[in-house]
Amino acid sequence: MKDIAWDSYQLFLAVARQGGLSAAAATTGLSAATLGRRMVELEQALGRELFLRSQTGYRLTSDGSQLLEHLVELEAGSRRVEEWRRGKAGQSLVRISLGTWIAWLLCQNMSTIRTSRDAFRIDLHVAEQRAKLAHRESDIGIRAFEPEEPNLAAIAAGEVAYAAYKARNREWMGPEPWVAVDDENAVSAYLRWPRQQSAEQIVATVNRPRSLRDLVRAGAGVGVLPCFVGDLDPTLERVGEEIPELRHRQWIVINNDDRHRSDIRMVADRLAKLLKSHRDVLAGKRPSTSS
């Protein structure tokens, strides 16, 4: 059998982790059609079916799951060799998967997650898709749902509330225009809500949630944001009250086999402390205007 190039395996990892061609295309820079062809070629070269294909995405077969496990191990080994080559073998790496806005909050408070005295490094993977830890893609994930996987441990981290926001004192003649994330990237309930409730009033869409706040701040329209983002921004104001059906609990998730690793546990504990300190504003309790 002809040797298979490593880049074919890297593309497989992207499709397997993203669960489909469109999302993987955004991370690889290749078109969905090219990725689909490369996956067929890889299956033919291996003589094994790796994916169950459907309109909702690509789901791994048993052979696909086994290949993913092998490649994750190889990837981790390759990363350790590269760190050794660069002289960083003494520093461990803690990988955190989290959504757009919790990442925004964490970045503002990074000094509480990693101090100058810590030997480990932090790697943030920001995406709206559910954090995956079963195959060691990340060490810590922050999820909107308690994990069902038996090999994952979870720390409850409060609730997150959402509301509609507009630029402060912005008024329109006639119905309020809305801004939203496009269909393909509306993977979270709060991103889908404007299309479900005010589809005919959407005047602009973006493919990244971070740009929603920019559009709202610029007065382009009304947009749904987490309350801890909108309420802490003095240029924004709520349109109505909290949207109760969007409220959800939040979890810090760790692989059971890693939860006793000191650097991972330390970062998880610090994340829990950070989210606890913001518990009220995360849950939609507005900060005092007098302060």
Foldseek 3Di string as FASTA:
>chain_A
DDDDDVVLVVLLLLQAVVQAQVNSCVVPVDHSVVSVVSQVVVCVVVVHDAWDDDPVGTHGDPVVVVSLLVVLVVVVVVVCVVCVVVVLNQAAEAEEEEEDVVVVLCVVVVCLLDPPPHRYYYHYDYAPDFDDPPSPPGFKYKDLDDDPDPQKDKDWQAKWWKFKKAFPPQDDDPDWAEEAADPVQQPAPQRCVCCVPPVVRHDYHHNGPVCRVVCRLVGVGMGMDTQLVQLVDPRMDGDDAIPVVRMTIMIMMGGNVCCPPVSSVSSSVSSSVSSVVCNCSRRPNHDDPVD
